[in-house]
Amino acid sequence: MSYTKLASDIIKNVGGEQNISSLVHCATRLRFKLKDRKKANKDVLQDMNGILSVVESGGQFQVVIGNHVNDVHKEIMNQVNLGDTSDSSNESSEKVGILSKVFEVVSGSFSPLLGALAGAGMLKALLTVLTIFGWMSAESGTYFVLSAAGNAVFYFLPIFLGITVAIKLGANPYIGGTIGAALLEPNLTSLATAEGTQSFLGIPLVLMNYSSTVFPVFIAVLIYSMLERFLKKVIYKDVQMFLVPMISLMVIVPLTVLAFGPFGVYVGNAIGDSVLFLGEKSGILTGAVMGAGWTFLTIFGLHWGLVPIMIGNFANGGDPLGPMLAAAPFAQIGVALAIFFKAKDKQLKALAGSTVMPGALAGVTEPIIYGFTDGSLYDRHFHSVCSCFRLNISLRI
């Protein structure tokens, strides 16, 4: 496949370079923010080879590519000059709901970390298998080195999220990362084990473990982004380089430790406890609802909204959502396997086979959803898919 031509066709049919406010990508999608979505030719894009589907959600125009999204993204960026995407004049005038904005920030913050999180998670799973079968000792130096590689991204997640959230909100990413790092700094963490009550300017501190947490840094960087914009308006430009970061850190880090951090941890714990409570009362119903809803959240790119809850649950000892949601990706993998083994069309068979491994190993099922189960390939592969399942019903159902 020629990524150069595909990228050129995508640029043309989203309204041209001048209609693109910004562009990022996640595991399978190009996420455009367009100045005028009416200029985009959605029908043409959906019919292109190399594009699985097109979704408009969360104020974004999402073009679902699949496993090759990174290659297509690079080629598009080589062909366009988006300039400073933080410039408010480039933003779309289209009104977006608060909930959509929240999901957009969450999705945009976790998307750059997807590879690291998936790779580290697979490494941790591999170490578990090796130790269970006795092929590696959990006390060996080899295990500790590999364990450090698998645990690092989760332990230092506040730092990484501080960077990505700041980028998404248009703030200085290195200050955002510093705010996250401050929560893990040894001098601060040592206060939790020190004797007596600790205070800041006479205000008692509520100290807790912030490793692997999500909500505290989200709240802190959100407030920081607003503070930074205010400071840049009132501080003389010649001294902004050091004065804005200094004041930001002096204000945000103490506020995080005093208020945002505990609040975020308590909120995360409360949500996790609520899910656990519901699961204890009716595990079957909870699993059915969560499993059935996951695919629809994925279709609209809103599934990242549950990721902070799941990571917060892991930090507290275990996550019940993962097993509940597992039914959805396993069902999608089953669809892809059935098509792979039964389809007569070589192109359809190759597409089905290429979607199985990402789903099985990393839970990335968008290629399956947009390739088969949502009917986006209806026009191209109707007869092949029908023959696979011997069903005389429309795939659009």
Protein backbone atom coordinates (compact mmCIF):
# COMPACT_ATOMS: atom_id res chain seq x y z
CA MET A 1 0.00 0.00 0.00
CA SER A 2 1.24 3.48 -0.88
CA TYR A 3 1.03 5.54 2.28
CA THR A 4 1.99 8.63 0.28
CA LYS A 5 -1.11 8.42 -1.92
CA LEU A 6 -3.37 7.40 0.97
CA ALA A 7 -2.16 10.36 3.03
CA SER A 8 -2.69 12.72 0.09
CA ASP A 9 -6.22 11.42 -0.48
CA ILE A 10 -7.05 11.78 3.22
CA ILE A 11 -5.79 15.37 3.32
CA LYS A 12 -7.85 16.21 0.25
CA ASN A 13 -11.05 14.68 1.62
CA VAL A 14 -10.88 16.23 5.08
CA GLY A 15 -11.08 19.61 3.38
CA GLY A 16 -7.43 20.20 2.61
CA GLU A 17 -4.52 21.38 4.72
CA GLN A 18 -6.18 24.73 5.43
CA ASN A 19 -9.13 22.96 7.09
CA ILE A 20 -6.99 21.01 9.60
CA SER A 21 -6.61 22.60 13.04
CA SER A 22 -4.63 19.73 14.56
CA LEU A 23 -3.89 16.05 14.08
CA VAL A 24 -2.88 13.32 16.52
CA HIS A 25 -3.21 9.56 16.39
CA CYS A 26 -3.86 6.70 18.80
CA ALA A 27 -3.47 2.95 18.28
CA THR A 28 -5.72 2.77 15.23
CA ARG A 29 -7.13 6.23 14.42
CA LEU A 30 -6.14 9.55 12.95
CA ARG A 31 -7.84 12.13 15.16
CA PHE A 32 -8.41 15.36 13.24
CA LYS A 33 -9.75 18.62 14.62
CA LEU A 34 -11.23 20.39 11.63
CA LYS A 35 -12.17 24.03 11.27
CA ASP A 36 -15.28 23.08 9.31
CA ARG A 37 -16.38 19.45 9.32
CA LYS A 38 -18.87 20.15 6.52
CA LYS A 39 -15.92 20.40 4.12
CA ALA A 40 -14.89 16.81 4.85
CA ASN A 41 -16.09 14.12 2.43
CA LYS A 42 -16.93 11.31 4.85
CA ASP A 43 -18.48 8.97 2.25
CA VAL A 44 -15.43 9.09 0.00
CA LEU A 45 -13.09 8.44 2.91
CA GLN A 46 -15.07 5.41 4.09
CA ASP A 47 -14.87 3.84 0.63
CA MET A 48 -11.08 4.17 0.36
CA ASN A 49 -8.84 1.11 0.55
CA GLY A 50 -6.75 1.42 3.69
CA ILE A 51 -9.48 3.13 5.71
CA LEU A 52 -11.73 1.01 7.92
CA SER A 53 -14.23 3.65 8.98
CA VAL A 54 -14.81 7.30 9.81
CA VAL A 55 -16.22 8.41 13.17
CA GLU A 56 -17.25 11.87 14.33
CA SER A 57 -17.05 11.98 18.11
CA GLY A 58 -15.83 14.20 20.93
CA GLY A 59 -15.32 17.16 18.61
CA GLN A 60 -12.94 15.09 16.49
CA PHE A 61 -13.10 13.75 12.95
CA GLN A 62 -11.61 10.28 13.43
CA VAL A 63 -10.32 8.27 10.48
CA VAL A 64 -9.84 4.63 11.49
CA ILE A 65 -6.77 3.18 9.76
CA GLY A 66 -5.82 0.15 11.83
CA ASN A 67 -2.34 -1.13 12.64
CA HIS A 68 -0.62 1.12 10.07
CA VAL A 69 -1.92 4.37 11.52
CA ASN A 70 1.55 5.54 12.58
CA ASP A 71 2.90 5.23 9.02
CA VAL A 72 -0.06 7.14 7.58
CA HIS A 73 0.23 9.82 10.27
CA LYS A 74 3.92 10.37 9.52
CA GLU A 75 3.21 10.69 5.80
CA ILE A 76 0.42 13.21 6.39
CA MET A 77 2.68 15.29 8.64
CA ASN A 78 5.29 15.25 5.88
CA GLN A 79 2.77 16.65 3.41
CA VAL A 80 1.17 19.37 5.53
CA ASN A 81 2.40 22.26 7.63
CA LEU A 82 0.00 22.69 10.53
CA GLY A 83 2.07 25.41 12.19
CA ASP A 84 1.33 26.23 15.82
CA THR A 85 -1.71 24.13 16.66
CA SER A 86 -1.97 25.78 20.07
CA ASP A 87 -3.05 29.00 18.39
CA SER A 88 -6.69 29.56 19.30
CA SER A 89 -7.37 31.05 15.89
CA ASN A 90 -6.89 27.59 14.40
CA GLU A 91 -9.59 26.03 16.53
CA SER A 92 -12.93 24.96 15.15
CA SER A 93 -15.85 27.22 15.91
CA GLU A 94 -18.05 24.17 16.45
CA LYS A 95 -19.44 23.89 19.97
CA VAL A 96 -18.45 20.74 21.85
CA GLY A 97 -20.15 19.46 25.00
CA ILE A 98 -18.35 19.33 28.34
CA LEU A 99 -18.48 15.54 28.46
CA SER A 100 -17.00 15.32 24.97
CA LYS A 101 -14.21 17.68 25.99
CA VAL A 102 -13.44 15.55 29.05
CA PHE A 103 -13.23 12.37 26.99
CA GLU A 104 -11.13 14.17 24.38
CA VAL A 105 -8.58 15.23 27.01
CA VAL A 106 -8.50 11.77 28.59
CA SER A 107 -8.16 10.06 25.22
CA GLY A 108 -5.52 12.51 23.97
CA SER A 109 -3.53 12.10 27.17
CA PHE A 110 -3.45 8.31 27.19
CA SER A 111 -3.03 7.74 23.45
CA PRO A 112 0.70 8.64 23.37
CA LEU A 113 1.30 6.25 26.28
CA LEU A 114 -0.55 3.32 24.72
CA GLY A 115 2.55 1.61 23.34
CA ALA A 116 4.46 1.92 26.62
CA LEU A 117 1.51 0.72 28.70
CA ALA A 118 0.79 -2.22 26.38
CA GLY A 119 4.45 -3.23 26.11
CA ALA A 120 5.02 -3.00 29.86
CA GLY A 121 1.82 -4.91 30.54
CA MET A 122 2.86 -7.70 28.16
CA LEU A 123 6.29 -7.86 29.84
CA LYS A 124 4.67 -8.18 33.27
CA ALA A 125 2.43 -10.94 31.92
CA LEU A 126 5.46 -12.75 30.46
CA LEU A 127 7.29 -12.57 33.81
CA THR A 128 4.24 -14.01 35.53
CA VAL A 129 4.16 -16.96 33.13
CA LEU A 130 7.91 -17.57 33.49
CA THR A 131 7.73 -17.62 37.29
CA ILE A 132 4.57 -19.78 37.43
CA PHE A 133 6.20 -22.50 35.32
CA GLY A 134 9.45 -22.22 37.27
CA TRP A 135 11.49 -21.06 34.27
CA MET A 136 12.70 -18.00 36.18
CA SER A 137 13.15 -17.32 39.87
CA ALA A 138 11.32 -14.32 41.31
CA GLU A 139 14.42 -13.71 43.46
CA SER A 140 16.93 -13.60 40.59
CA GLY A 141 18.67 -10.50 39.33
CA THR A 142 17.27 -11.12 35.85
CA TYR A 143 13.74 -11.02 37.22
CA PHE A 144 14.30 -7.78 39.11
CA VAL A 145 15.80 -6.05 36.05
CA LEU A 146 12.93 -7.11 33.79
CA SER A 147 10.40 -6.35 36.52
CA ALA A 148 11.76 -2.81 36.77
CA ALA A 149 11.24 -2.41 33.03
CA GLY A 150 7.65 -3.63 33.34
CA ASN A 151 6.76 -1.63 36.44
CA ALA A 152 8.38 1.72 35.60
CA VAL A 153 5.70 3.21 33.37
CA PHE A 154 2.98 2.34 35.90
CA TYR A 155 4.87 3.58 38.96
CA PHE A 156 5.90 6.85 37.30
CA LEU A 157 2.57 7.28 35.51
CA PRO A 158 1.94 10.69 37.18
CA ILE A 159 5.06 12.03 35.43
CA PHE A 160 4.12 10.73 31.99
CA LEU A 161 0.53 11.89 32.36
CA GLY A 162 1.71 15.27 33.59
CA ILE A 163 3.52 15.64 30.27
CA THR A 164 0.75 14.36 27.99
CA VAL A 165 -2.08 16.19 29.79
CA ALA A 166 -0.12 19.45 29.62
CA ILE A 167 0.45 18.95 25.88
CA LYS A 168 -3.25 18.28 25.36
CA LEU A 169 -4.20 21.42 27.31
CA GLY A 170 -1.62 23.60 25.56
CA ALA A 171 0.58 24.12 28.64
CA ASN A 172 4.32 23.56 29.14
CA PRO A 173 4.69 19.74 29.15
CA TYR A 174 7.90 19.77 31.18
CA ILE A 175 6.28 21.72 34.00
CA GLY A 176 3.37 19.28 33.84
CA GLY A 177 5.84 16.40 34.16
CA THR A 178 7.59 18.17 37.03
CA ILE A 179 4.29 18.48 38.90
CA GLY A 180 3.78 14.72 38.52
CA ALA A 181 7.37 14.04 39.56
CA ALA A 182 6.97 16.16 42.69
CA LEU A 183 4.34 13.70 43.94
CA LEU A 184 6.93 10.91 43.78
CA GLU A 185 9.96 12.90 45.03
CA PRO A 186 11.69 11.04 47.94
CA ASN A 187 11.60 14.02 50.32
CA LEU A 188 7.82 14.19 49.96
CA THR A 189 7.18 10.45 50.08
CA SER A 190 9.39 10.13 53.18
CA LEU A 191 7.02 12.43 55.08
CA ALA A 192 4.38 9.69 54.97
CA THR A 193 6.54 7.47 57.20
CA ALA A 194 7.83 10.28 59.44
CA GLU A 195 6.59 10.53 63.01
CA GLY A 196 4.11 13.21 63.98
CA THR A 197 1.75 15.36 61.94
CA GLN A 198 3.27 17.10 58.93
CA SER A 199 2.13 20.52 57.76
CA PHE A 200 2.67 23.14 55.07
CA LEU A 201 2.53 26.75 56.31
CA GLY A 202 0.65 25.46 59.34
CA ILE A 203 -1.91 23.53 57.25
CA PRO A 204 -1.93 19.77 58.04
CA LEU A 205 -0.89 17.55 55.14
CA VAL A 206 -2.87 14.51 54.05
CA LEU A 207 -0.05 12.30 52.82
CA MET A 208 -0.60 9.28 50.61
CA ASN A 209 1.08 7.19 47.95
CA TYR A 210 0.71 8.80 44.50
CA SER A 211 2.53 6.17 42.45
CA SER A 212 0.33 4.78 39.64
CA THR A 213 -2.38 7.37 40.38
CA VAL A 214 -4.22 9.20 37.61
CA PHE A 215 -6.83 11.61 38.95
CA PRO A 216 -4.50 13.81 41.08
CA VAL A 217 -2.21 14.75 38.21
CA PHE A 218 -5.17 15.30 35.85
CA ILE A 219 -6.66 17.81 38.28
CA ALA A 220 -3.31 19.44 39.06
CA VAL A 221 -2.29 19.94 35.42
CA LEU A 222 -5.75 21.22 34.50
CA ILE A 223 -5.46 23.95 37.14
CA TYR A 224 -1.84 24.58 36.12
CA SER A 225 -2.81 25.13 32.47
CA MET A 226 -5.28 27.83 33.52
CA LEU A 227 -2.76 29.41 35.89
CA GLU A 228 -0.08 29.46 33.19
CA ARG A 229 -2.36 31.27 30.75
CA PHE A 230 -3.18 33.86 33.42
CA LEU A 231 0.46 34.39 34.40
CA LYS A 232 1.52 34.90 30.78
CA LYS A 233 -1.02 37.71 30.50
CA VAL A 234 0.16 39.60 33.59
CA ILE A 235 3.93 38.92 33.71
CA TYR A 236 6.38 40.87 31.57
CA LYS A 237 7.57 38.70 28.66
CA ASP A 238 11.28 39.12 29.37
CA VAL A 239 10.96 37.34 32.73
CA GLN A 240 8.29 34.80 31.82
CA MET A 241 10.84 32.07 31.06
CA PHE A 242 11.68 31.51 34.74
CA LEU A 243 8.99 33.41 36.63
CA VAL A 244 5.97 31.58 35.17
CA PRO A 245 7.36 28.08 35.92
CA MET A 246 8.56 29.15 39.38
CA ILE A 247 5.20 30.60 40.44
CA SER A 248 3.35 27.67 38.86
CA LEU A 249 5.35 25.11 40.82
CA MET A 250 5.12 27.14 44.03
CA VAL A 251 1.34 27.23 43.75
CA ILE A 252 0.33 23.96 42.09
CA VAL A 253 2.52 21.45 43.90
CA PRO A 254 1.43 22.53 47.43
CA LEU A 255 -2.20 22.74 46.30
CA THR A 256 -1.91 19.24 44.85
CA VAL A 257 -0.54 17.82 48.08
CA LEU A 258 -3.04 19.73 50.21
CA ALA A 259 -6.19 19.33 48.11
CA PHE A 260 -6.04 18.03 44.53
CA GLY A 261 -4.07 14.90 45.38
CA PRO A 262 -6.22 13.66 48.27
CA PHE A 263 -9.40 14.64 46.43
CA GLY A 264 -8.32 12.79 43.30
CA VAL A 265 -7.31 9.70 45.23
CA TYR A 266 -10.55 9.70 47.21
CA VAL A 267 -12.63 10.12 44.04
CA GLY A 268 -10.77 7.32 42.30
CA ASN A 269 -11.12 5.06 45.31
CA ALA A 270 -14.83 5.90 45.60
CA ILE A 271 -15.47 5.01 41.94
CA GLY A 272 -13.50 1.81 42.26
CA ASP A 273 -15.32 0.88 45.47
CA SER A 274 -18.66 1.61 43.80
CA VAL A 275 -17.86 -0.75 40.96
CA LEU A 276 -16.71 -3.40 43.43
CA PHE A 277 -19.91 -2.93 45.46
CA LEU A 278 -22.08 -3.27 42.37
CA GLY A 279 -20.14 -6.32 41.32
CA GLU A 280 -20.63 -7.95 44.71
CA LYS A 281 -24.39 -7.33 44.55
CA SER A 282 -24.87 -8.56 40.99
CA GLY A 283 -21.74 -9.65 39.23
CA ILE A 284 -23.63 -11.12 36.28
CA LEU A 285 -25.62 -7.95 35.63
CA THR A 286 -22.58 -5.72 36.09
CA GLY A 287 -20.49 -7.84 33.75
CA ALA A 288 -23.25 -7.95 31.16
CA VAL A 289 -23.70 -4.18 31.18
CA MET A 290 -19.97 -3.41 31.12
CA GLY A 291 -19.21 -6.02 28.48
CA ALA A 292 -22.09 -4.93 26.24
CA GLY A 293 -21.25 -1.24 26.53
CA TRP A 294 -17.52 -1.51 25.86
CA THR A 295 -17.80 -2.00 22.09
CA PHE A 296 -20.08 1.02 21.71
CA LEU A 297 -17.69 3.17 23.74
CA THR A 298 -14.87 1.97 21.49
CA ILE A 299 -16.81 2.81 18.33
CA PHE A 300 -17.10 6.44 19.42
CA GLY A 301 -13.56 6.57 20.81
CA LEU A 302 -14.85 7.16 24.35
CA HIS A 303 -13.52 3.97 25.93
CA TRP A 304 -10.47 5.81 27.30
CA GLY A 305 -12.76 7.43 29.87
CA LEU A 306 -12.71 4.19 31.89
CA VAL A 307 -8.93 3.74 31.75
CA PRO A 308 -8.18 6.05 34.72
CA ILE A 309 -10.65 4.07 36.84
CA MET A 310 -9.06 0.77 35.86
CA ILE A 311 -5.52 1.99 36.56
CA GLY A 312 -6.68 3.43 39.89
CA ASN A 313 -8.17 0.04 40.77
CA PHE A 314 -4.87 -1.68 39.94
CA ALA A 315 -3.10 0.70 42.30
CA ASN A 316 -5.48 -0.43 45.05
CA GLY A 317 -4.79 -4.12 44.56
CA GLY A 318 -6.95 -5.28 41.66
CA ASP A 319 -9.33 -4.23 38.92
CA PRO A 320 -12.75 -5.89 38.44
CA LEU A 321 -13.50 -3.98 35.24
CA GLY A 322 -10.94 -5.78 33.10
CA PRO A 323 -12.53 -9.25 33.43
CA MET A 324 -16.01 -7.73 32.96
CA LEU A 325 -14.98 -5.94 29.78
CA ALA A 326 -13.00 -8.90 28.45
CA ALA A 327 -16.14 -10.43 26.94
CA ALA A 328 -16.29 -7.65 24.33
CA PRO A 329 -12.77 -8.00 22.85
CA PHE A 330 -12.95 -11.80 22.98
CA ALA A 331 -16.22 -11.70 21.06
CA GLN A 332 -14.61 -9.43 18.44
CA ILE A 333 -11.61 -11.76 18.18
CA GLY A 334 -14.02 -14.66 17.62
CA VAL A 335 -15.62 -12.78 14.72
CA ALA A 336 -12.23 -12.13 13.13
CA LEU A 337 -11.14 -15.77 13.53
CA ALA A 338 -14.38 -17.06 12.01
CA ILE A 339 -13.96 -14.81 8.97
CA PHE A 340 -10.27 -15.72 8.67
CA PHE A 341 -11.01 -19.47 8.54
CA LYS A 342 -14.20 -19.34 6.46
CA ALA A 343 -13.80 -16.42 4.04
CA LYS A 344 -13.07 -17.17 0.37
CA ASP A 345 -12.02 -13.61 -0.47
CA LYS A 346 -8.21 -13.35 -0.05
CA GLN A 347 -8.28 -9.65 0.81
CA LEU A 348 -10.96 -10.24 3.46
CA LYS A 349 -9.04 -13.22 4.88
CA ALA A 350 -5.80 -11.19 5.09
CA LEU A 351 -7.57 -8.31 6.82
CA ALA A 352 -9.20 -10.65 9.34
CA GLY A 353 -5.89 -12.37 10.12
CA SER A 354 -4.08 -9.08 10.67
CA THR A 355 -6.65 -7.96 13.23
CA VAL A 356 -6.46 -11.02 15.49
CA MET A 357 -3.01 -10.52 17.07
CA PRO A 358 -3.52 -6.88 18.22
CA GLY A 359 -6.82 -7.89 19.76
CA ALA A 360 -5.48 -11.02 21.45
CA LEU A 361 -2.24 -9.53 22.76
CA ALA A 362 -3.13 -5.89 23.45
CA GLY A 363 -6.93 -5.71 23.42
CA VAL A 364 -6.91 -3.38 20.40
CA THR A 365 -10.10 -4.40 18.60
CA GLU A 366 -10.91 -1.30 16.54
CA PRO A 367 -9.71 -2.96 13.29
CA ILE A 368 -12.18 -5.80 13.90
CA ILE A 369 -15.04 -3.51 14.90
CA TYR A 370 -14.64 -1.16 11.97
CA GLY A 371 -13.53 -3.85 9.57
CA PHE A 372 -16.36 -6.29 10.13
CA THR A 373 -18.86 -5.99 12.95
CA ASP A 374 -20.11 -2.46 12.26
CA GLY A 375 -20.77 -3.20 8.60
CA SER A 376 -18.24 -0.66 7.24
CA LEU A 377 -17.03 -3.24 4.72
CA TYR A 378 -20.58 -4.09 3.76
CA ASP A 379 -20.36 -2.90 0.18
CA ARG A 380 -17.00 -4.56 -0.53
CA HIS A 381 -17.41 -7.91 1.21
CA PHE A 382 -21.12 -8.54 1.68
CA HIS A 383 -21.21 -11.87 -0.13
CA SER A 384 -17.98 -13.14 1.43
CA VAL A 385 -19.07 -12.43 4.98
CA CYS A 386 -22.54 -13.83 4.40
CA SER A 387 -21.02 -17.04 3.09
CA CYS A 388 -18.82 -17.23 6.19
CA PHE A 389 -21.76 -17.35 8.55
CA ARG A 390 -24.45 -18.51 6.09
CA LEU A 391 -26.72 -15.76 7.27
CA ASN A 392 -29.18 -14.00 4.98
CA ILE A 393 -29.30 -10.83 7.05
CA SER A 394 -27.87 -7.39 6.52
CA LEU A 395 -24.49 -6.75 8.14
CA ARG A 396 -25.69 -3.26 8.88
CA ILE A 397 -27.82 -4.58 11.75
